[in-house]
Amino acid sequence: MEQKIKLLKIALVLIGITFIAGVPLLMNFFWVSGWSWTPSQHEYEQMIMGIYATLGLFLILAAKDPMQHASLIWFTVWSSVVHGGIMLVQALVDETENAHLMGDVPALFIVALVLAYLMPKKA
């Protein structure tokens, strides 16, 4: 269990950094079609980046003592599943958004799977 906690701490920091810096970079510069929806809605994108940057900061802070922040980590797991699931359906329904099936949709499911696997089930 100690090894899983160490890996969880690393995952929390890496996911936190990705939420803070990676999401804006992917949405705006490196892989726009897989991370930004059309038509581009800058207000929506700024809101999403702000929410994920805030969550990322709190995940980094939670890495110091993950068990004290279990509810935040489980929120991240389940909100990633819900967000990814909604986007999955939207990307399947709207063929112009199919690039998301290889971009942010699987990324959210990976975040959820990694954190759920590493999070101890009992305190």
N, C-alpha and C. Protein backbone atom coordinates (compact mmCIF):
# COMPACT_ATOMS: atom_id res chain seq x y z
N MET A 1 0.82 -1.20 0.00
CA MET A 1 0.00 0.00 0.00
C MET A 1 0.86 1.25 0.00
N GLU A 2 2.02 1.21 0.67
CA GLU A 2 2.90 2.37 0.68
C GLU A 2 3.37 2.74 -0.71
N GLN A 3 3.66 1.73 -1.54
CA GLN A 3 4.10 1.97 -2.91
C GLN A 3 2.99 2.65 -3.72
N LYS A 4 1.74 2.20 -3.51
CA LYS A 4 0.62 2.81 -4.22
C LYS A 4 0.44 4.28 -3.82
N ILE A 5 0.63 4.57 -2.55
CA ILE A 5 0.51 5.96 -2.09
C ILE A 5 1.60 6.82 -2.73
N LYS A 6 2.82 6.31 -2.81
CA LYS A 6 3.90 7.06 -3.47
C LYS A 6 3.55 7.32 -4.93
N LEU A 7 3.05 6.29 -5.61
CA LEU A 7 2.66 6.47 -7.01
C LEU A 7 1.47 7.42 -7.13
N LEU A 8 0.55 7.36 -6.19
CA LEU A 8 -0.59 8.28 -6.19
C LEU A 8 -0.11 9.72 -6.05
N LYS A 9 0.84 9.96 -5.17
CA LYS A 9 1.38 11.31 -4.98
C LYS A 9 2.00 11.83 -6.29
N ILE A 10 2.75 10.97 -6.95
CA ILE A 10 3.36 11.35 -8.23
C ILE A 10 2.28 11.63 -9.27
N ALA A 11 1.28 10.75 -9.34
CA ALA A 11 0.19 10.92 -10.31
C ALA A 11 -0.56 12.22 -10.06
N LEU A 12 -0.82 12.54 -8.80
CA LEU A 12 -1.54 13.77 -8.47
C LEU A 12 -0.78 15.00 -8.94
N VAL A 13 0.53 15.00 -8.75
CA VAL A 13 1.34 16.14 -9.20
C VAL A 13 1.36 16.22 -10.73
N LEU A 14 1.56 15.09 -11.38
CA LEU A 14 1.62 15.09 -12.85
C LEU A 14 0.27 15.48 -13.47
N ILE A 15 -0.80 14.94 -12.93
CA ILE A 15 -2.13 15.30 -13.43
C ILE A 15 -2.41 16.77 -13.13
N GLY A 16 -2.04 17.22 -11.95
CA GLY A 16 -2.22 18.63 -11.60
C GLY A 16 -1.50 19.57 -12.56
N ILE A 17 -0.25 19.25 -12.85
CA ILE A 17 0.53 20.07 -13.80
C ILE A 17 -0.11 20.02 -15.18
N THR A 18 -0.56 18.85 -15.57
CA THR A 18 -1.22 18.72 -16.88
C THR A 18 -2.49 19.55 -16.94
N PHE A 19 -3.27 19.53 -15.87
CA PHE A 19 -4.49 20.33 -15.84
C PHE A 19 -4.16 21.83 -15.89
N ILE A 20 -3.11 22.24 -15.22
CA ILE A 20 -2.75 23.67 -15.17
C ILE A 20 -2.15 24.14 -16.50
N ALA A 21 -1.18 23.41 -17.02
CA ALA A 21 -0.44 23.87 -18.19
C ALA A 21 -0.78 23.10 -19.47
N GLY A 22 -0.99 21.81 -19.35
CA GLY A 22 -1.19 20.98 -20.54
C GLY A 22 -2.50 21.25 -21.25
N VAL A 23 -3.58 21.39 -20.50
CA VAL A 23 -4.88 21.62 -21.13
C VAL A 23 -4.87 22.91 -21.97
N PRO A 24 -4.41 24.03 -21.43
CA PRO A 24 -4.38 25.24 -22.28
C PRO A 24 -3.46 25.09 -23.50
N LEU A 25 -2.32 24.44 -23.31
CA LEU A 25 -1.41 24.27 -24.44
C LEU A 25 -2.03 23.39 -25.53
N LEU A 26 -2.68 22.30 -25.11
CA LEU A 26 -3.31 21.41 -26.09
C LEU A 26 -4.52 22.07 -26.76
N MET A 27 -5.31 22.80 -26.01
CA MET A 27 -6.51 23.46 -26.57
C MET A 27 -6.16 24.58 -27.54
N ASN A 28 -5.04 25.25 -27.29
CA ASN A 28 -4.73 26.45 -28.06
C ASN A 28 -3.60 26.32 -29.08
N PHE A 29 -2.70 25.36 -28.88
CA PHE A 29 -1.51 25.35 -29.72
C PHE A 29 -1.16 24.02 -30.35
N PHE A 30 -1.16 22.94 -29.58
CA PHE A 30 -0.56 21.70 -30.06
C PHE A 30 -1.51 20.70 -30.69
N TRP A 31 -2.74 20.62 -30.24
CA TRP A 31 -3.67 19.63 -30.78
C TRP A 31 -5.08 20.16 -30.65
N VAL A 32 -5.31 21.25 -31.34
CA VAL A 32 -6.57 21.98 -31.21
C VAL A 32 -7.76 21.09 -31.56
N SER A 33 -7.67 20.29 -32.63
CA SER A 33 -8.81 19.48 -33.07
C SER A 33 -9.19 18.41 -32.06
N GLY A 34 -8.24 17.94 -31.26
CA GLY A 34 -8.53 16.91 -30.28
C GLY A 34 -8.88 17.44 -28.90
N TRP A 35 -8.81 18.75 -28.73
CA TRP A 35 -9.02 19.32 -27.40
C TRP A 35 -9.94 20.52 -27.37
N SER A 36 -10.21 21.13 -28.50
CA SER A 36 -11.07 22.31 -28.55
C SER A 36 -12.25 22.00 -29.47
N TRP A 37 -13.44 22.39 -29.06
CA TRP A 37 -14.66 22.06 -29.82
C TRP A 37 -14.98 23.17 -30.80
N THR A 38 -15.65 22.80 -31.89
CA THR A 38 -16.02 23.79 -32.90
C THR A 38 -17.52 24.04 -32.84
N PRO A 39 -18.00 25.22 -33.10
CA PRO A 39 -17.16 26.38 -33.36
C PRO A 39 -16.46 26.84 -32.08
N SER A 40 -15.33 27.43 -32.24
CA SER A 40 -14.55 27.87 -31.09
C SER A 40 -15.36 28.86 -30.25
N GLN A 41 -15.41 28.60 -28.97
CA GLN A 41 -16.12 29.47 -28.04
C GLN A 41 -15.13 29.87 -26.94
N HIS A 42 -14.51 31.01 -27.14
CA HIS A 42 -13.42 31.43 -26.26
C HIS A 42 -13.86 31.56 -24.80
N GLU A 43 -15.08 32.03 -24.58
CA GLU A 43 -15.55 32.17 -23.20
C GLU A 43 -15.65 30.80 -22.52
N TYR A 44 -16.20 29.84 -23.24
CA TYR A 44 -16.31 28.47 -22.71
C TYR A 44 -14.92 27.88 -22.45
N GLU A 45 -14.02 28.07 -23.41
CA GLU A 45 -12.67 27.52 -23.27
C GLU A 45 -11.94 28.13 -22.08
N GLN A 46 -12.09 29.43 -21.88
CA GLN A 46 -11.47 30.08 -20.73
C GLN A 46 -12.03 29.54 -19.43
N MET A 47 -13.35 29.30 -19.41
CA MET A 47 -13.98 28.75 -18.21
C MET A 47 -13.42 27.36 -17.92
N ILE A 48 -13.37 26.50 -18.93
CA ILE A 48 -12.85 25.14 -18.74
C ILE A 48 -11.40 25.17 -18.27
N MET A 49 -10.59 26.02 -18.91
CA MET A 49 -9.18 26.11 -18.50
C MET A 49 -9.06 26.61 -17.06
N GLY A 50 -9.91 27.55 -16.67
CA GLY A 50 -9.88 28.05 -15.30
C GLY A 50 -10.28 27.00 -14.29
N ILE A 51 -11.32 26.24 -14.60
CA ILE A 51 -11.77 25.17 -13.71
C ILE A 51 -10.68 24.10 -13.58
N TYR A 52 -10.11 23.68 -14.71
CA TYR A 52 -9.09 22.64 -14.65
C TYR A 52 -7.79 23.13 -14.01
N ALA A 53 -7.45 24.39 -14.19
CA ALA A 53 -6.26 24.93 -13.52
C ALA A 53 -6.47 24.93 -12.00
N THR A 54 -7.66 25.30 -11.58
CA THR A 54 -7.96 25.29 -10.14
C THR A 54 -7.91 23.88 -9.59
N LEU A 55 -8.55 22.95 -10.28
CA LEU A 55 -8.52 21.55 -9.86
C LEU A 55 -7.08 21.04 -9.84
N GLY A 56 -6.30 21.40 -10.84
CA GLY A 56 -4.90 20.97 -10.91
C GLY A 56 -4.11 21.45 -9.71
N LEU A 57 -4.29 22.70 -9.33
CA LEU A 57 -3.59 23.24 -8.16
C LEU A 57 -3.97 22.45 -6.91
N PHE A 58 -5.24 22.18 -6.73
CA PHE A 58 -5.67 21.45 -5.54
C PHE A 58 -5.21 19.98 -5.56
N LEU A 59 -5.08 19.39 -6.74
CA LEU A 59 -4.53 18.03 -6.81
C LEU A 59 -3.06 18.03 -6.40
N ILE A 60 -2.33 19.04 -6.80
CA ILE A 60 -0.92 19.15 -6.39
C ILE A 60 -0.83 19.30 -4.87
N LEU A 61 -1.68 20.14 -4.31
CA LEU A 61 -1.69 20.30 -2.85
C LEU A 61 -2.10 19.00 -2.15
N ALA A 62 -3.02 18.26 -2.75
CA ALA A 62 -3.49 16.99 -2.17
C ALA A 62 -2.39 15.93 -2.17
N ALA A 63 -1.41 16.08 -3.02
CA ALA A 63 -0.33 15.09 -3.10
C ALA A 63 0.47 15.00 -1.80
N LYS A 64 0.45 16.03 -1.00
CA LYS A 64 1.17 16.00 0.28
C LYS A 64 0.59 14.96 1.23
N ASP A 65 -0.73 14.82 1.21
CA ASP A 65 -1.40 13.85 2.07
C ASP A 65 -2.70 13.40 1.39
N PRO A 66 -2.58 12.48 0.44
CA PRO A 66 -3.76 12.09 -0.34
C PRO A 66 -4.94 11.60 0.48
N MET A 67 -4.71 10.91 1.56
CA MET A 67 -5.83 10.38 2.33
C MET A 67 -6.64 11.50 3.00
N GLN A 68 -6.00 12.62 3.30
CA GLN A 68 -6.73 13.77 3.85
C GLN A 68 -7.60 14.43 2.78
N HIS A 69 -7.32 14.13 1.52
CA HIS A 69 -8.02 14.77 0.41
C HIS A 69 -8.72 13.74 -0.47
N ALA A 70 -9.15 12.66 0.15
CA ALA A 70 -9.78 11.56 -0.60
C ALA A 70 -11.01 12.03 -1.37
N SER A 71 -11.82 12.89 -0.78
CA SER A 71 -13.04 13.32 -1.47
C SER A 71 -12.70 14.12 -2.73
N LEU A 72 -11.66 14.93 -2.69
CA LEU A 72 -11.23 15.67 -3.88
C LEU A 72 -10.75 14.70 -4.96
N ILE A 73 -10.00 13.70 -4.56
CA ILE A 73 -9.49 12.74 -5.53
C ILE A 73 -10.64 11.94 -6.15
N TRP A 74 -11.60 11.50 -5.33
CA TRP A 74 -12.75 10.77 -5.87
C TRP A 74 -13.63 11.69 -6.72
N PHE A 75 -13.72 12.96 -6.36
CA PHE A 75 -14.43 13.91 -7.22
C PHE A 75 -13.76 13.97 -8.58
N THR A 76 -12.43 14.02 -8.60
CA THR A 76 -11.70 14.07 -9.86
C THR A 76 -11.97 12.82 -10.68
N VAL A 77 -11.97 11.66 -10.03
CA VAL A 77 -12.26 10.40 -10.72
C VAL A 77 -13.64 10.47 -11.38
N TRP A 78 -14.67 10.72 -10.57
CA TRP A 78 -16.03 10.63 -11.08
C TRP A 78 -16.41 11.77 -12.00
N SER A 79 -15.89 12.97 -11.76
CA SER A 79 -16.19 14.07 -12.68
C SER A 79 -15.49 13.85 -14.02
N SER A 80 -14.33 13.20 -14.01
CA SER A 80 -13.65 12.86 -15.26
C SER A 80 -14.43 11.82 -16.05
N VAL A 81 -15.00 10.84 -15.36
CA VAL A 81 -15.83 9.83 -16.02
C VAL A 81 -17.06 10.49 -16.65
N VAL A 82 -17.74 11.34 -15.88
CA VAL A 82 -18.95 12.01 -16.38
C VAL A 82 -18.60 12.93 -17.55
N HIS A 83 -17.58 13.77 -17.38
CA HIS A 83 -17.18 14.70 -18.43
C HIS A 83 -16.77 13.94 -19.68
N GLY A 84 -15.92 12.92 -19.51
CA GLY A 84 -15.48 12.12 -20.65
C GLY A 84 -16.64 11.39 -21.32
N GLY A 85 -17.59 10.89 -20.53
CA GLY A 85 -18.74 10.19 -21.08
C GLY A 85 -19.63 11.09 -21.92
N ILE A 86 -19.87 12.28 -21.42
CA ILE A 86 -20.69 13.24 -22.17
C ILE A 86 -19.98 13.62 -23.47
N MET A 87 -18.69 13.88 -23.38
CA MET A 87 -17.94 14.25 -24.58
C MET A 87 -17.86 13.08 -25.56
N LEU A 88 -17.78 11.86 -25.07
CA LEU A 88 -17.76 10.67 -25.93
C LEU A 88 -19.03 10.63 -26.78
N VAL A 89 -20.16 10.79 -26.14
CA VAL A 89 -21.44 10.77 -26.87
C VAL A 89 -21.48 11.92 -27.88
N GLN A 90 -21.07 13.11 -27.46
CA GLN A 90 -21.09 14.26 -28.37
C GLN A 90 -20.17 14.05 -29.56
N ALA A 91 -19.00 13.48 -29.33
CA ALA A 91 -18.05 13.23 -30.42
C ALA A 91 -18.55 12.15 -31.37
N LEU A 92 -19.29 11.19 -30.86
CA LEU A 92 -19.86 10.15 -31.73
C LEU A 92 -21.04 10.67 -32.54
N VAL A 93 -21.82 11.56 -31.95
CA VAL A 93 -23.00 12.11 -32.64
C VAL A 93 -22.60 13.12 -33.70
N ASP A 94 -21.60 13.94 -33.42
CA ASP A 94 -21.18 15.00 -34.33
C ASP A 94 -19.84 14.60 -34.97
N GLU A 95 -19.89 14.16 -36.21
CA GLU A 95 -18.68 13.64 -36.86
C GLU A 95 -17.58 14.68 -37.01
N THR A 96 -17.92 15.97 -36.94
CA THR A 96 -16.87 16.99 -37.02
C THR A 96 -16.04 17.02 -35.74
N GLU A 97 -16.50 16.34 -34.70
CA GLU A 97 -15.78 16.33 -33.42
C GLU A 97 -15.10 14.98 -33.14
N ASN A 98 -14.98 14.13 -34.15
CA ASN A 98 -14.39 12.80 -33.96
C ASN A 98 -12.96 12.82 -33.44
N ALA A 99 -12.22 13.88 -33.68
CA ALA A 99 -10.83 13.95 -33.20
C ALA A 99 -10.76 13.85 -31.68
N HIS A 100 -11.84 14.22 -31.01
CA HIS A 100 -11.86 14.13 -29.55
C HIS A 100 -11.81 12.69 -29.05
N LEU A 101 -12.17 11.77 -29.92
CA LEU A 101 -12.12 10.35 -29.54
C LEU A 101 -10.68 9.89 -29.33
N MET A 102 -9.72 10.65 -29.85
CA MET A 102 -8.30 10.36 -29.64
C MET A 102 -7.62 11.43 -28.80
N GLY A 103 -8.35 12.41 -28.33
CA GLY A 103 -7.79 13.52 -27.57
C GLY A 103 -8.27 13.56 -26.14
N ASP A 104 -9.13 14.52 -25.84
CA ASP A 104 -9.52 14.74 -24.45
C ASP A 104 -10.44 13.66 -23.88
N VAL A 105 -11.20 12.96 -24.73
CA VAL A 105 -12.07 11.91 -24.20
C VAL A 105 -11.26 10.79 -23.53
N PRO A 106 -10.32 10.15 -24.24
CA PRO A 106 -9.55 9.11 -23.55
C PRO A 106 -8.68 9.67 -22.42
N ALA A 107 -8.22 10.91 -22.55
CA ALA A 107 -7.40 11.50 -21.50
C ALA A 107 -8.17 11.56 -20.18
N LEU A 108 -9.43 11.95 -20.24
CA LEU A 108 -10.24 12.00 -19.02
C LEU A 108 -10.46 10.62 -18.42
N PHE A 109 -10.70 9.63 -19.28
CA PHE A 109 -10.88 8.26 -18.78
C PHE A 109 -9.58 7.72 -18.18
N ILE A 110 -8.44 8.07 -18.76
CA ILE A 110 -7.15 7.63 -18.22
C ILE A 110 -6.92 8.26 -16.84
N VAL A 111 -7.20 9.55 -16.70
CA VAL A 111 -7.08 10.21 -15.40
C VAL A 111 -7.92 9.47 -14.37
N ALA A 112 -9.18 9.19 -14.72
CA ALA A 112 -10.08 8.50 -13.79
C ALA A 112 -9.55 7.12 -13.43
N LEU A 113 -9.10 6.36 -14.41
CA LEU A 113 -8.60 5.01 -14.15
C LEU A 113 -7.35 5.01 -13.27
N VAL A 114 -6.42 5.89 -13.58
CA VAL A 114 -5.17 5.95 -12.81
C VAL A 114 -5.45 6.31 -11.36
N LEU A 115 -6.22 7.36 -11.14
CA LEU A 115 -6.49 7.78 -9.76
C LEU A 115 -7.33 6.74 -9.02
N ALA A 116 -8.31 6.15 -9.67
CA ALA A 116 -9.14 5.13 -9.01
C ALA A 116 -8.31 3.91 -8.64
N TYR A 117 -7.39 3.52 -9.52
CA TYR A 117 -6.54 2.36 -9.24
C TYR A 117 -5.58 2.63 -8.08
N LEU A 118 -5.00 3.83 -8.07
CA LEU A 118 -3.99 4.14 -7.05
C LEU A 118 -4.58 4.56 -5.72
N MET A 119 -5.82 5.00 -5.71
CA MET A 119 -6.43 5.48 -4.47
C MET A 119 -6.80 4.29 -3.57
N PRO A 120 -6.26 4.26 -2.36
CA PRO A 120 -6.63 3.17 -1.44
C PRO A 120 -8.14 3.18 -1.21
N LYS A 121 -8.70 2.01 -1.16
CA LYS A 121 -10.15 1.91 -1.00
C LYS A 121 -10.59 2.13 0.43
N LYS A 122 -9.68 1.91 1.39
CA LYS A 122 -9.98 2.12 2.82
C LYS A 122 -8.88 2.96 3.45
N ALA A 123 -9.31 3.87 4.30
CA ALA A 123 -8.32 4.74 4.97
C ALA A 123 -7.61 3.98 6.07
